[in-house]
Amino acid sequence: MLPAELRKLKTILERSLVETAALWADIQTMYQWVHRAAHILDNAAGESGSQVRHRYQGLLGAMQRWSTHTGALEPSLQHFLKVTRSYWPGLFHCYLIAGLPRTNNDLEHVFGTHRYHERRTTGRKTGSPALVVRGAARMVAAVATQARSFSATDLAAVQVTDWLALRRELDKRRHSRVLQRRFRRDPELYLAGLEELLSS
């Protein structure tokens, strides 16, 4: 850059800092709180779920008490607190269950990996209908087998009643899918069948 351009840029920056000086205190307060929240949730010390919950609850209490110190950013802080309250019941499961992804991004990565491999093996650009119908079993199996391999002994330990209940649920979904296909192929015949069922 030329010296004249640098001087012009410096002037613009200095004027911007002067004109926004009143906002920086609020931004600094909010930044410290959000940074502290991220530090607690990161849990680098490896604390238990109850300890993380207790520390985070303390921070949220302080944020609520001192919310008037955020000036024009108070609505943003109240929104942050409201959203946190809505997520609260499931916010700390990742500290209680080993290997559970901490964020939706981690979960999306798991599903994205499965979608990528399915597209690669089938050549489909969209999700397969079988995944919609049998996803409750296929996705769990795909994720579980990434963590470890299973033997025949593991499969033999499964309760037969649980297996039958899952089969019934999957069959119900498949039947619903079949009925949708029948309606698309011949709506009049399908509706006539429904009318006959209702009249009998």
N, C-alpha and C. Protein backbone atom coordinates (compact mmCIF):
# COMPACT_ATOMS: atom_id res chain seq x y z
N MET A 1 0.83 -1.19 0.00
CA MET A 1 0.00 0.00 0.00
C MET A 1 0.87 1.25 0.00
N LEU A 2 0.36 2.28 -0.61
CA LEU A 2 1.06 3.55 -0.64
C LEU A 2 0.88 4.26 0.70
N PRO A 3 1.84 5.09 1.09
CA PRO A 3 1.74 5.82 2.36
C PRO A 3 0.44 6.63 2.47
N ALA A 4 -0.03 7.23 1.38
CA ALA A 4 -1.26 8.02 1.42
C ALA A 4 -2.47 7.14 1.73
N GLU A 5 -2.48 5.94 1.13
CA GLU A 5 -3.58 5.01 1.39
C GLU A 5 -3.57 4.50 2.82
N LEU A 6 -2.35 4.27 3.35
CA LEU A 6 -2.22 3.83 4.74
C LEU A 6 -2.73 4.90 5.69
N ARG A 7 -2.37 6.17 5.42
CA ARG A 7 -2.84 7.26 6.28
C ARG A 7 -4.36 7.36 6.24
N LYS A 8 -4.95 7.19 5.04
CA LYS A 8 -6.40 7.26 4.89
C LYS A 8 -7.08 6.12 5.66
N LEU A 9 -6.51 4.93 5.55
CA LEU A 9 -7.05 3.77 6.26
C LEU A 9 -6.95 3.97 7.77
N LYS A 10 -5.82 4.51 8.23
CA LYS A 10 -5.61 4.76 9.66
C LYS A 10 -6.65 5.77 10.17
N THR A 11 -6.91 6.79 9.37
CA THR A 11 -7.91 7.80 9.74
C THR A 11 -9.30 7.19 9.86
N ILE A 12 -9.66 6.34 8.91
CA ILE A 12 -10.97 5.68 8.93
C ILE A 12 -11.11 4.81 10.17
N LEU A 13 -10.06 4.03 10.49
CA LEU A 13 -10.09 3.15 11.66
C LEU A 13 -10.20 3.95 12.96
N GLU A 14 -9.42 5.02 13.05
CA GLU A 14 -9.45 5.84 14.27
C GLU A 14 -10.84 6.47 14.45
N ARG A 15 -11.42 6.98 13.37
CA ARG A 15 -12.75 7.58 13.45
C ARG A 15 -13.80 6.52 13.84
N SER A 16 -13.67 5.32 13.29
CA SER A 16 -14.61 4.24 13.61
C SER A 16 -14.51 3.86 15.08
N LEU A 17 -13.29 3.79 15.60
CA LEU A 17 -13.11 3.45 17.02
C LEU A 17 -13.71 4.51 17.93
N VAL A 18 -13.53 5.77 17.56
CA VAL A 18 -14.09 6.86 18.37
C VAL A 18 -15.61 6.82 18.34
N GLU A 19 -16.21 6.60 17.16
CA GLU A 19 -17.67 6.62 17.03
C GLU A 19 -18.34 5.41 17.69
N THR A 20 -17.60 4.31 17.82
CA THR A 20 -18.19 3.10 18.43
C THR A 20 -17.68 2.85 19.84
N ALA A 21 -16.96 3.81 20.41
CA ALA A 21 -16.35 3.62 21.73
C ALA A 21 -17.37 3.26 22.80
N ALA A 22 -18.58 3.82 22.72
CA ALA A 22 -19.59 3.56 23.74
C ALA A 22 -20.07 2.10 23.72
N LEU A 23 -19.89 1.40 22.60
CA LEU A 23 -20.37 0.02 22.48
C LEU A 23 -19.37 -1.01 23.00
N TRP A 24 -18.10 -0.64 23.08
CA TRP A 24 -17.07 -1.63 23.36
C TRP A 24 -17.18 -2.24 24.75
N ALA A 25 -17.60 -1.47 25.75
CA ALA A 25 -17.72 -2.02 27.11
C ALA A 25 -18.75 -3.15 27.14
N ASP A 26 -19.91 -2.95 26.48
CA ASP A 26 -20.95 -3.98 26.44
C ASP A 26 -20.45 -5.23 25.70
N ILE A 27 -19.78 -4.99 24.59
CA ILE A 27 -19.25 -6.11 23.80
C ILE A 27 -18.21 -6.88 24.60
N GLN A 28 -17.37 -6.17 25.33
CA GLN A 28 -16.33 -6.83 26.12
C GLN A 28 -16.96 -7.70 27.22
N THR A 29 -18.00 -7.18 27.88
CA THR A 29 -18.70 -7.96 28.92
C THR A 29 -19.30 -9.22 28.32
N MET A 30 -20.02 -9.07 27.20
CA MET A 30 -20.65 -10.22 26.55
C MET A 30 -19.61 -11.23 26.07
N TYR A 31 -18.52 -10.73 25.52
CA TYR A 31 -17.47 -11.62 25.03
C TYR A 31 -16.90 -12.46 26.17
N GLN A 32 -16.66 -11.82 27.32
CA GLN A 32 -16.10 -12.55 28.46
C GLN A 32 -17.05 -13.65 28.91
N TRP A 33 -18.36 -13.37 28.93
CA TRP A 33 -19.34 -14.38 29.35
C TRP A 33 -19.40 -15.53 28.35
N VAL A 34 -19.47 -15.21 27.07
CA VAL A 34 -19.56 -16.27 26.05
C VAL A 34 -18.28 -17.10 26.04
N HIS A 35 -17.13 -16.43 26.21
CA HIS A 35 -15.85 -17.15 26.26
C HIS A 35 -15.82 -18.08 27.47
N ARG A 36 -16.33 -17.60 28.60
CA ARG A 36 -16.37 -18.42 29.82
C ARG A 36 -17.31 -19.61 29.62
N ALA A 37 -18.46 -19.38 28.98
CA ALA A 37 -19.41 -20.48 28.72
C ALA A 37 -18.76 -21.55 27.84
N ALA A 38 -18.06 -21.11 26.81
CA ALA A 38 -17.39 -22.07 25.92
C ALA A 38 -16.33 -22.86 26.68
N HIS A 39 -15.61 -22.18 27.58
CA HIS A 39 -14.57 -22.84 28.37
C HIS A 39 -15.17 -23.91 29.29
N ILE A 40 -16.30 -23.58 29.93
CA ILE A 40 -16.96 -24.55 30.83
C ILE A 40 -17.44 -25.75 30.03
N LEU A 41 -18.10 -25.51 28.90
CA LEU A 41 -18.64 -26.61 28.09
C LEU A 41 -17.55 -27.44 27.42
N ASP A 42 -16.39 -26.82 27.17
CA ASP A 42 -15.28 -27.56 26.58
C ASP A 42 -14.78 -28.64 27.55
N ASN A 43 -14.86 -28.34 28.84
CA ASN A 43 -14.54 -29.31 29.90
C ASN A 43 -13.17 -29.95 29.71
N ALA A 44 -12.17 -29.11 29.52
CA ALA A 44 -10.81 -29.61 29.34
C ALA A 44 -10.32 -30.36 30.57
N ALA A 45 -10.84 -30.01 31.75
CA ALA A 45 -10.42 -30.67 32.99
C ALA A 45 -11.04 -32.05 33.16
N GLY A 46 -12.03 -32.39 32.32
CA GLY A 46 -12.66 -33.71 32.40
C GLY A 46 -13.55 -33.89 33.61
N GLU A 47 -14.25 -32.83 34.00
CA GLU A 47 -15.14 -32.91 35.16
C GLU A 47 -16.37 -33.76 34.82
N SER A 48 -17.07 -34.17 35.87
CA SER A 48 -18.29 -34.97 35.67
C SER A 48 -19.41 -34.09 35.12
N GLY A 49 -20.47 -34.74 34.62
CA GLY A 49 -21.59 -34.01 34.06
C GLY A 49 -22.25 -33.09 35.07
N SER A 50 -22.37 -33.56 36.33
CA SER A 50 -23.00 -32.72 37.36
C SER A 50 -22.15 -31.51 37.69
N GLN A 51 -20.81 -31.66 37.68
CA GLN A 51 -19.93 -30.52 37.95
C GLN A 51 -20.02 -29.49 36.83
N VAL A 52 -20.04 -29.96 35.59
CA VAL A 52 -20.15 -29.03 34.45
C VAL A 52 -21.49 -28.31 34.52
N ARG A 53 -22.57 -29.06 34.81
CA ARG A 53 -23.89 -28.45 34.91
C ARG A 53 -23.92 -27.39 36.02
N HIS A 54 -23.32 -27.69 37.17
CA HIS A 54 -23.31 -26.76 38.30
C HIS A 54 -22.54 -25.48 37.94
N ARG A 55 -21.38 -25.62 37.33
CA ARG A 55 -20.58 -24.44 36.95
C ARG A 55 -21.29 -23.61 35.89
N TYR A 56 -21.90 -24.27 34.93
CA TYR A 56 -22.59 -23.55 33.86
C TYR A 56 -23.83 -22.83 34.41
N GLN A 57 -24.52 -23.48 35.34
CA GLN A 57 -25.69 -22.86 35.96
C GLN A 57 -25.29 -21.62 36.73
N GLY A 58 -24.13 -21.68 37.41
CA GLY A 58 -23.63 -20.51 38.12
C GLY A 58 -23.34 -19.35 37.18
N LEU A 59 -22.74 -19.66 36.04
CA LEU A 59 -22.46 -18.61 35.05
C LEU A 59 -23.75 -18.00 34.51
N LEU A 60 -24.73 -18.84 34.21
CA LEU A 60 -25.99 -18.32 33.70
C LEU A 60 -26.70 -17.45 34.73
N GLY A 61 -26.60 -17.83 36.00
CA GLY A 61 -27.17 -17.01 37.07
C GLY A 61 -26.51 -15.64 37.13
N ALA A 62 -25.18 -15.62 37.01
CA ALA A 62 -24.45 -14.34 37.01
C ALA A 62 -24.84 -13.50 35.80
N MET A 63 -24.98 -14.14 34.65
CA MET A 63 -25.37 -13.41 33.44
C MET A 63 -26.76 -12.78 33.61
N GLN A 64 -27.67 -13.54 34.22
CA GLN A 64 -29.02 -13.02 34.44
C GLN A 64 -29.01 -11.85 35.42
N ARG A 65 -28.23 -12.00 36.52
CA ARG A 65 -28.17 -10.93 37.53
C ARG A 65 -27.58 -9.65 36.98
N TRP A 66 -26.56 -9.77 36.15
CA TRP A 66 -25.84 -8.60 35.66
C TRP A 66 -26.23 -8.24 34.22
N SER A 67 -27.38 -8.73 33.77
CA SER A 67 -27.78 -8.51 32.38
C SER A 67 -27.95 -7.03 32.04
N THR A 68 -28.29 -6.20 33.05
CA THR A 68 -28.47 -4.77 32.77
C THR A 68 -27.16 -4.08 32.42
N HIS A 69 -26.03 -4.74 32.71
CA HIS A 69 -24.72 -4.15 32.39
C HIS A 69 -24.32 -4.34 30.93
N THR A 70 -25.19 -4.99 30.15
CA THR A 70 -24.85 -5.22 28.74
C THR A 70 -25.45 -4.18 27.81
N GLY A 71 -26.18 -3.22 28.37
CA GLY A 71 -26.70 -2.10 27.58
C GLY A 71 -27.56 -2.54 26.41
N ALA A 72 -27.16 -2.11 25.21
CA ALA A 72 -27.94 -2.40 24.00
C ALA A 72 -27.92 -3.88 23.64
N LEU A 73 -27.00 -4.65 24.23
CA LEU A 73 -26.90 -6.08 23.92
C LEU A 73 -27.75 -6.95 24.84
N GLU A 74 -28.51 -6.32 25.76
CA GLU A 74 -29.33 -7.11 26.69
C GLU A 74 -30.34 -8.02 25.97
N PRO A 75 -31.03 -7.56 24.91
CA PRO A 75 -31.93 -8.49 24.20
C PRO A 75 -31.21 -9.74 23.67
N SER A 76 -29.98 -9.56 23.21
CA SER A 76 -29.20 -10.71 22.72
C SER A 76 -28.89 -11.66 23.86
N LEU A 77 -28.54 -11.09 25.02
CA LEU A 77 -28.25 -11.92 26.18
C LEU A 77 -29.50 -12.69 26.63
N GLN A 78 -30.65 -12.03 26.65
CA GLN A 78 -31.89 -12.69 27.05
C GLN A 78 -32.24 -13.82 26.07
N HIS A 79 -31.97 -13.60 24.79
CA HIS A 79 -32.20 -14.65 23.80
C HIS A 79 -31.28 -15.84 24.06
N PHE A 80 -30.03 -15.57 24.36
CA PHE A 80 -29.06 -16.62 24.67
C PHE A 80 -29.54 -17.44 25.87
N LEU A 81 -30.00 -16.76 26.92
CA LEU A 81 -30.49 -17.45 28.12
C LEU A 81 -31.74 -18.28 27.82
N LYS A 82 -32.63 -17.73 26.99
CA LYS A 82 -33.87 -18.44 26.64
C LYS A 82 -33.56 -19.71 25.85
N VAL A 83 -32.68 -19.61 24.87
CA VAL A 83 -32.31 -20.78 24.06
C VAL A 83 -31.61 -21.83 24.92
N THR A 84 -30.74 -21.37 25.83
CA THR A 84 -30.05 -22.30 26.72
C THR A 84 -31.05 -23.05 27.59
N ARG A 85 -32.07 -22.33 28.11
CA ARG A 85 -33.09 -23.01 28.92
C ARG A 85 -33.84 -24.07 28.10
N SER A 86 -34.10 -23.78 26.83
CA SER A 86 -34.84 -24.75 26.01
C SER A 86 -34.01 -26.01 25.74
N TYR A 87 -32.67 -25.85 25.67
CA TYR A 87 -31.80 -27.01 25.42
C TYR A 87 -31.36 -27.69 26.71
N TRP A 88 -31.68 -27.12 27.85
CA TRP A 88 -31.12 -27.57 29.13
C TRP A 88 -31.29 -29.06 29.40
N PRO A 89 -32.47 -29.67 29.17
CA PRO A 89 -32.62 -31.09 29.53
C PRO A 89 -31.60 -32.01 28.85
N GLY A 90 -31.19 -31.71 27.65
CA GLY A 90 -30.25 -32.59 26.95
C GLY A 90 -28.86 -32.03 26.78
N LEU A 91 -28.56 -30.94 27.48
CA LEU A 91 -27.30 -30.23 27.25
C LEU A 91 -26.08 -30.96 27.80
N PHE A 92 -26.25 -31.81 28.80
CA PHE A 92 -25.09 -32.38 29.49
C PHE A 92 -24.96 -33.89 29.33
N HIS A 93 -25.79 -34.49 28.43
CA HIS A 93 -25.70 -35.94 28.22
C HIS A 93 -24.31 -36.36 27.73
N CYS A 94 -23.68 -35.49 26.95
CA CYS A 94 -22.38 -35.86 26.38
C CYS A 94 -21.30 -36.03 27.45
N TYR A 95 -21.50 -35.44 28.64
CA TYR A 95 -20.54 -35.61 29.73
C TYR A 95 -20.85 -36.85 30.56
N LEU A 96 -22.05 -37.39 30.39
CA LEU A 96 -22.46 -38.56 31.16
C LEU A 96 -22.27 -39.86 30.39
N ILE A 97 -22.36 -39.78 29.04
CA ILE A 97 -22.27 -40.97 28.20
C ILE A 97 -21.00 -40.89 27.37
N ALA A 98 -20.10 -41.83 27.60
CA ALA A 98 -18.83 -41.82 26.88
C ALA A 98 -19.05 -42.01 25.38
N GLY A 99 -18.37 -41.19 24.57
CA GLY A 99 -18.43 -41.32 23.12
C GLY A 99 -19.61 -40.61 22.47
N LEU A 100 -20.51 -40.03 23.26
CA LEU A 100 -21.66 -39.32 22.68
C LEU A 100 -21.18 -37.98 22.12
N PRO A 101 -21.45 -37.70 20.84
CA PRO A 101 -21.01 -36.41 20.26
C PRO A 101 -21.59 -35.23 21.02
N ARG A 102 -20.77 -34.17 21.16
CA ARG A 102 -21.19 -33.03 21.99
C ARG A 102 -22.09 -32.06 21.25
N THR A 103 -22.01 -32.01 19.94
CA THR A 103 -22.76 -31.00 19.21
C THR A 103 -23.53 -31.62 18.06
N ASN A 104 -24.49 -30.86 17.53
CA ASN A 104 -25.22 -31.29 16.35
C ASN A 104 -24.28 -31.46 15.16
N ASN A 105 -23.20 -30.66 15.13
CA ASN A 105 -22.24 -30.78 14.03
C ASN A 105 -21.59 -32.16 14.03
N ASP A 106 -21.28 -32.67 15.23
CA ASP A 106 -20.69 -34.00 15.33
C ASP A 106 -21.68 -35.06 14.87
N LEU A 107 -22.95 -34.91 15.29
CA LEU A 107 -23.97 -35.86 14.85
C LEU A 107 -24.19 -35.78 13.35
N GLU A 108 -24.21 -34.56 12.82
CA GLU A 108 -24.39 -34.37 11.37
C GLU A 108 -23.25 -35.03 10.61
N HIS A 109 -22.04 -34.97 11.18
CA HIS A 109 -20.89 -35.62 10.54
C HIS A 109 -21.11 -37.13 10.46
N VAL A 110 -21.66 -37.72 11.54
CA VAL A 110 -21.94 -39.17 11.55
C VAL A 110 -22.93 -39.52 10.45
N PHE A 111 -24.05 -38.75 10.39
CA PHE A 111 -25.08 -39.04 9.38
C PHE A 111 -24.55 -38.73 7.98
N GLY A 112 -23.75 -37.67 7.86
CA GLY A 112 -23.18 -37.32 6.56
C GLY A 112 -22.25 -38.41 6.03
N THR A 113 -21.47 -39.00 6.93
CA THR A 113 -20.57 -40.09 6.54
C THR A 113 -21.37 -41.28 6.02
N HIS A 114 -22.46 -41.60 6.72
CA HIS A 114 -23.31 -42.72 6.27
C HIS A 114 -23.92 -42.39 4.90
N ARG A 115 -24.40 -41.17 4.75
CA ARG A 115 -25.01 -40.76 3.47
C ARG A 115 -23.98 -40.84 2.35
N TYR A 116 -22.75 -40.41 2.62
CA TYR A 116 -21.69 -40.45 1.61
C TYR A 116 -21.41 -41.89 1.18
N HIS A 117 -21.27 -42.80 2.15
CA HIS A 117 -20.97 -44.20 1.80
C HIS A 117 -22.13 -44.86 1.07
N GLU A 118 -23.35 -44.50 1.46
CA GLU A 118 -24.51 -45.07 0.78
C GLU A 118 -24.57 -44.59 -0.67
N ARG A 119 -24.31 -43.33 -0.89
CA ARG A 119 -24.31 -42.80 -2.27
C ARG A 119 -23.21 -43.46 -3.10
N ARG A 120 -22.07 -43.67 -2.46
CA ARG A 120 -20.95 -44.28 -3.17
C ARG A 120 -21.26 -45.71 -3.58
N THR A 121 -21.90 -46.46 -2.69
CA THR A 121 -22.14 -47.88 -2.99
C THR A 121 -23.34 -48.10 -3.89
N THR A 122 -24.35 -47.23 -3.80
CA THR A 122 -25.57 -47.44 -4.59
C THR A 122 -25.60 -46.60 -5.87
N GLY A 123 -24.84 -45.51 -5.91
CA GLY A 123 -24.87 -44.62 -7.06
C GLY A 123 -26.04 -43.65 -7.01
N ARG A 124 -26.86 -43.69 -5.97
CA ARG A 124 -27.99 -42.78 -5.85
C ARG A 124 -27.53 -41.39 -5.43
N LYS A 125 -28.20 -40.39 -5.96
CA LYS A 125 -27.90 -39.01 -5.53
C LYS A 125 -28.75 -38.62 -4.33
N THR A 126 -29.85 -39.32 -4.11
CA THR A 126 -30.72 -39.04 -2.96
C THR A 126 -30.70 -40.23 -2.02
N GLY A 127 -31.23 -40.03 -0.81
CA GLY A 127 -31.29 -41.13 0.15
C GLY A 127 -32.17 -42.24 -0.35
N SER A 128 -31.81 -43.46 -0.01
CA SER A 128 -32.60 -44.60 -0.48
C SER A 128 -33.90 -44.71 0.33
N PRO A 129 -34.97 -45.18 -0.32
CA PRO A 129 -36.24 -45.38 0.42
C PRO A 129 -36.07 -46.36 1.58
N ALA A 130 -35.17 -47.32 1.42
CA ALA A 130 -34.95 -48.30 2.49
C ALA A 130 -34.44 -47.63 3.76
N LEU A 131 -33.66 -46.56 3.60
CA LEU A 131 -33.15 -45.85 4.77
C LEU A 131 -34.29 -45.16 5.51
N VAL A 132 -35.27 -44.67 4.77
CA VAL A 132 -36.44 -44.04 5.40
C VAL A 132 -37.22 -45.07 6.19
N VAL A 133 -37.41 -46.25 5.58
CA VAL A 133 -38.23 -47.30 6.21
C VAL A 133 -37.48 -48.00 7.34
N ARG A 134 -36.21 -48.31 7.10
CA ARG A 134 -35.46 -49.11 8.06
C ARG A 134 -34.34 -48.34 8.75
N GLY A 135 -34.41 -47.01 8.69
CA GLY A 135 -33.35 -46.18 9.27
C GLY A 135 -33.13 -46.39 10.75
N ALA A 136 -34.24 -46.69 11.49
CA ALA A 136 -34.11 -46.91 12.93
C ALA A 136 -33.18 -48.06 13.25
N ALA A 137 -33.09 -49.03 12.36
CA ALA A 137 -32.18 -50.16 12.58
C ALA A 137 -30.87 -49.96 11.84
N ARG A 138 -30.95 -49.50 10.59
CA ARG A 138 -29.74 -49.39 9.78
C ARG A 138 -28.76 -48.35 10.30
N MET A 139 -29.30 -47.18 10.73
CA MET A 139 -28.41 -46.12 11.20
C MET A 139 -27.75 -46.52 12.51
N VAL A 140 -28.52 -47.14 13.40
CA VAL A 140 -27.94 -47.58 14.68
C VAL A 140 -26.86 -48.62 14.42
N ALA A 141 -27.12 -49.54 13.52
CA ALA A 141 -26.13 -50.58 13.20
C ALA A 141 -24.88 -49.97 12.58
N ALA A 142 -25.08 -49.00 11.67
CA ALA A 142 -23.93 -48.37 11.00
C ALA A 142 -23.06 -47.61 11.98
N VAL A 143 -23.68 -46.88 12.89
CA VAL A 143 -22.93 -46.10 13.88
C VAL A 143 -22.25 -47.02 14.89
N ALA A 144 -22.98 -48.04 15.35
CA ALA A 144 -22.42 -48.95 16.35
C ALA A 144 -21.23 -49.74 15.81
N THR A 145 -21.30 -50.16 14.56
CA THR A 145 -20.19 -50.95 14.00
C THR A 145 -18.96 -50.10 13.70
N GLN A 146 -19.13 -48.78 13.65
CA GLN A 146 -17.95 -47.90 13.53
C GLN A 146 -17.16 -47.88 14.83
N ALA A 147 -17.88 -48.03 15.95
CA ALA A 147 -17.23 -47.98 17.26
C ALA A 147 -16.50 -49.28 17.58
N ARG A 148 -17.12 -50.42 17.25
CA ARG A 148 -16.47 -51.71 17.50
C ARG A 148 -17.13 -52.79 16.66
N SER A 149 -16.48 -53.92 16.55
CA SER A 149 -17.07 -55.02 15.78
C SER A 149 -17.88 -55.91 16.74
N PHE A 150 -18.90 -56.55 16.18
CA PHE A 150 -19.79 -57.38 16.97
C PHE A 150 -19.65 -58.83 16.55
N SER A 151 -19.78 -59.71 17.52
CA SER A 151 -19.66 -61.15 17.24
C SER A 151 -21.04 -61.81 17.34
N ALA A 152 -21.09 -63.07 17.02
CA ALA A 152 -22.34 -63.83 17.13
C ALA A 152 -22.79 -63.89 18.59
N THR A 153 -21.85 -63.86 19.53
CA THR A 153 -22.19 -63.88 20.95
C THR A 153 -22.97 -62.62 21.33
N ASP A 154 -22.54 -61.47 20.77
CA ASP A 154 -23.26 -60.21 21.03
C ASP A 154 -24.68 -60.29 20.51
N LEU A 155 -24.84 -60.83 19.31
CA LEU A 155 -26.17 -60.94 18.73
C LEU A 155 -27.05 -61.92 19.50
N ALA A 156 -26.45 -62.98 20.02
CA ALA A 156 -27.22 -63.98 20.78
C ALA A 156 -27.72 -63.41 22.11
N ALA A 157 -27.04 -62.37 22.61
CA ALA A 157 -27.44 -61.79 23.90
C ALA A 157 -28.66 -60.88 23.79
N VAL A 158 -29.07 -60.55 22.56
CA VAL A 158 -30.22 -59.66 22.36
C VAL A 158 -31.51 -60.36 22.77
N GLN A 159 -32.38 -59.64 23.48
CA GLN A 159 -33.67 -60.21 23.88
C GLN A 159 -34.55 -60.41 22.64
N VAL A 160 -35.12 -61.59 22.51
CA VAL A 160 -35.97 -61.91 21.36
C VAL A 160 -37.18 -60.99 21.31
N THR A 161 -37.72 -60.65 22.47
CA THR A 161 -38.91 -59.77 22.50
C THR A 161 -38.58 -58.38 21.95
N ASP A 162 -37.38 -57.87 22.28
CA ASP A 162 -36.96 -56.56 21.74
C ASP A 162 -36.80 -56.64 20.22
N TRP A 163 -36.21 -57.75 19.75
CA TRP A 163 -36.00 -57.92 18.32
C TRP A 163 -37.35 -57.99 17.59
N LEU A 164 -38.31 -58.73 18.16
CA LEU A 164 -39.63 -58.85 17.54
C LEU A 164 -40.36 -57.51 17.53
N ALA A 165 -40.21 -56.73 18.60
CA ALA A 165 -40.85 -55.41 18.65
C ALA A 165 -40.28 -54.49 17.58
N LEU A 166 -38.97 -54.54 17.38
CA LEU A 166 -38.34 -53.73 16.34
C LEU A 166 -38.82 -54.18 14.96
N ARG A 167 -38.92 -55.49 14.75
CA ARG A 167 -39.40 -56.01 13.47
C ARG A 167 -40.83 -55.53 13.19
N ARG A 168 -41.68 -55.57 14.21
CA ARG A 168 -43.07 -55.11 14.03
C ARG A 168 -43.10 -53.63 13.63
N GLU A 169 -42.28 -52.83 14.29
CA GLU A 169 -42.25 -51.39 13.98
C GLU A 169 -41.77 -51.16 12.54
N LEU A 170 -40.73 -51.89 12.13
CA LEU A 170 -40.21 -51.74 10.77
C LEU A 170 -41.22 -52.23 9.74
N ASP A 171 -41.93 -53.31 10.05
CA ASP A 171 -42.96 -53.81 9.13
C ASP A 171 -44.11 -52.82 8.99
N LYS A 172 -44.46 -52.16 10.10
CA LYS A 172 -45.53 -51.16 10.06
C LYS A 172 -45.13 -50.01 9.13
N ARG A 173 -43.87 -49.58 9.23
CA ARG A 173 -43.38 -48.51 8.35
C ARG A 173 -43.37 -48.95 6.88
N ARG A 174 -42.94 -50.20 6.66
CA ARG A 174 -42.91 -50.71 5.29
C ARG A 174 -44.31 -50.78 4.71
N HIS A 175 -45.27 -51.24 5.52
CA HIS A 175 -46.66 -51.33 5.06
C HIS A 175 -47.21 -49.94 4.71
N SER A 176 -46.89 -48.96 5.55
CA SER A 176 -47.33 -47.59 5.28
C SER A 176 -46.74 -47.09 3.96
N ARG A 177 -45.50 -47.43 3.69
CA ARG A 177 -44.85 -47.04 2.44
C ARG A 177 -45.54 -47.71 1.24
N VAL A 178 -45.89 -48.98 1.40
CA VAL A 178 -46.57 -49.72 0.33
C VAL A 178 -47.92 -49.07 0.02
N LEU A 179 -48.66 -48.69 1.07
CA LEU A 179 -49.96 -48.05 0.86
C LEU A 179 -49.81 -46.72 0.12
N GLN A 180 -48.75 -45.97 0.44
CA GLN A 180 -48.51 -44.71 -0.28
C GLN A 180 -48.28 -44.98 -1.76
N ARG A 181 -47.54 -46.04 -2.06
CA ARG A 181 -47.26 -46.38 -3.45
C ARG A 181 -48.53 -46.78 -4.18
N ARG A 182 -49.40 -47.53 -3.50
CA ARG A 182 -50.67 -47.94 -4.13
C ARG A 182 -51.52 -46.72 -4.45
N PHE A 183 -51.54 -45.76 -3.54
CA PHE A 183 -52.33 -44.55 -3.77
C PHE A 183 -51.78 -43.78 -4.98
N ARG A 184 -50.45 -43.68 -5.07
CA ARG A 184 -49.86 -42.94 -6.20
C ARG A 184 -50.14 -43.63 -7.52
N ARG A 185 -50.14 -44.97 -7.52
CA ARG A 185 -50.36 -45.70 -8.77
C ARG A 185 -51.79 -45.59 -9.26
N ASP A 186 -52.75 -45.74 -8.35
CA ASP A 186 -54.16 -45.71 -8.75
C ASP A 186 -54.99 -45.11 -7.61
N PRO A 187 -55.06 -43.78 -7.54
CA PRO A 187 -55.78 -43.14 -6.43
C PRO A 187 -57.24 -43.55 -6.35
N GLU A 188 -57.91 -43.68 -7.50
CA GLU A 188 -59.34 -44.00 -7.48
C GLU A 188 -59.59 -45.39 -6.90
N LEU A 189 -58.78 -46.36 -7.31
CA LEU A 189 -58.94 -47.72 -6.78
C LEU A 189 -58.66 -47.75 -5.29
N TYR A 190 -57.64 -47.04 -4.86
CA TYR A 190 -57.28 -47.00 -3.44
C TYR A 190 -58.41 -46.38 -2.61
N LEU A 191 -58.96 -45.27 -3.08
CA LEU A 191 -60.04 -44.59 -2.34
C LEU A 191 -61.31 -45.44 -2.35
N ALA A 192 -61.55 -46.15 -3.45
CA ALA A 192 -62.73 -47.03 -3.50
C ALA A 192 -62.58 -48.14 -2.45
N GLY A 193 -61.38 -48.64 -2.30
CA GLY A 193 -61.13 -49.67 -1.28
C GLY A 193 -61.37 -49.14 0.13
N LEU A 194 -60.96 -47.89 0.37
CA LEU A 194 -61.20 -47.28 1.68
C LEU A 194 -62.69 -47.09 1.94
N GLU A 195 -63.41 -46.65 0.91
CA GLU A 195 -64.86 -46.47 1.05
C GLU A 195 -65.54 -47.81 1.37
N GLU A 196 -65.07 -48.86 0.73
CA GLU A 196 -65.64 -50.19 0.97
C GLU A 196 -65.40 -50.63 2.41
N LEU A 197 -64.18 -50.34 2.90
CA LEU A 197 -63.87 -50.68 4.29
C LEU A 197 -64.75 -49.91 5.25
N LEU A 198 -64.98 -48.64 4.97
CA LEU A 198 -65.80 -47.81 5.85
C LEU A 198 -67.26 -48.24 5.85
N SER A 199 -67.75 -48.64 4.70
CA SER A 199 -69.18 -49.02 4.60
C SER A 199 -69.45 -50.40 5.18
N SER A 200 -68.44 -51.25 5.30
CA SER A 200 -68.67 -52.62 5.80
C SER A 200 -68.68 -52.68 7.32
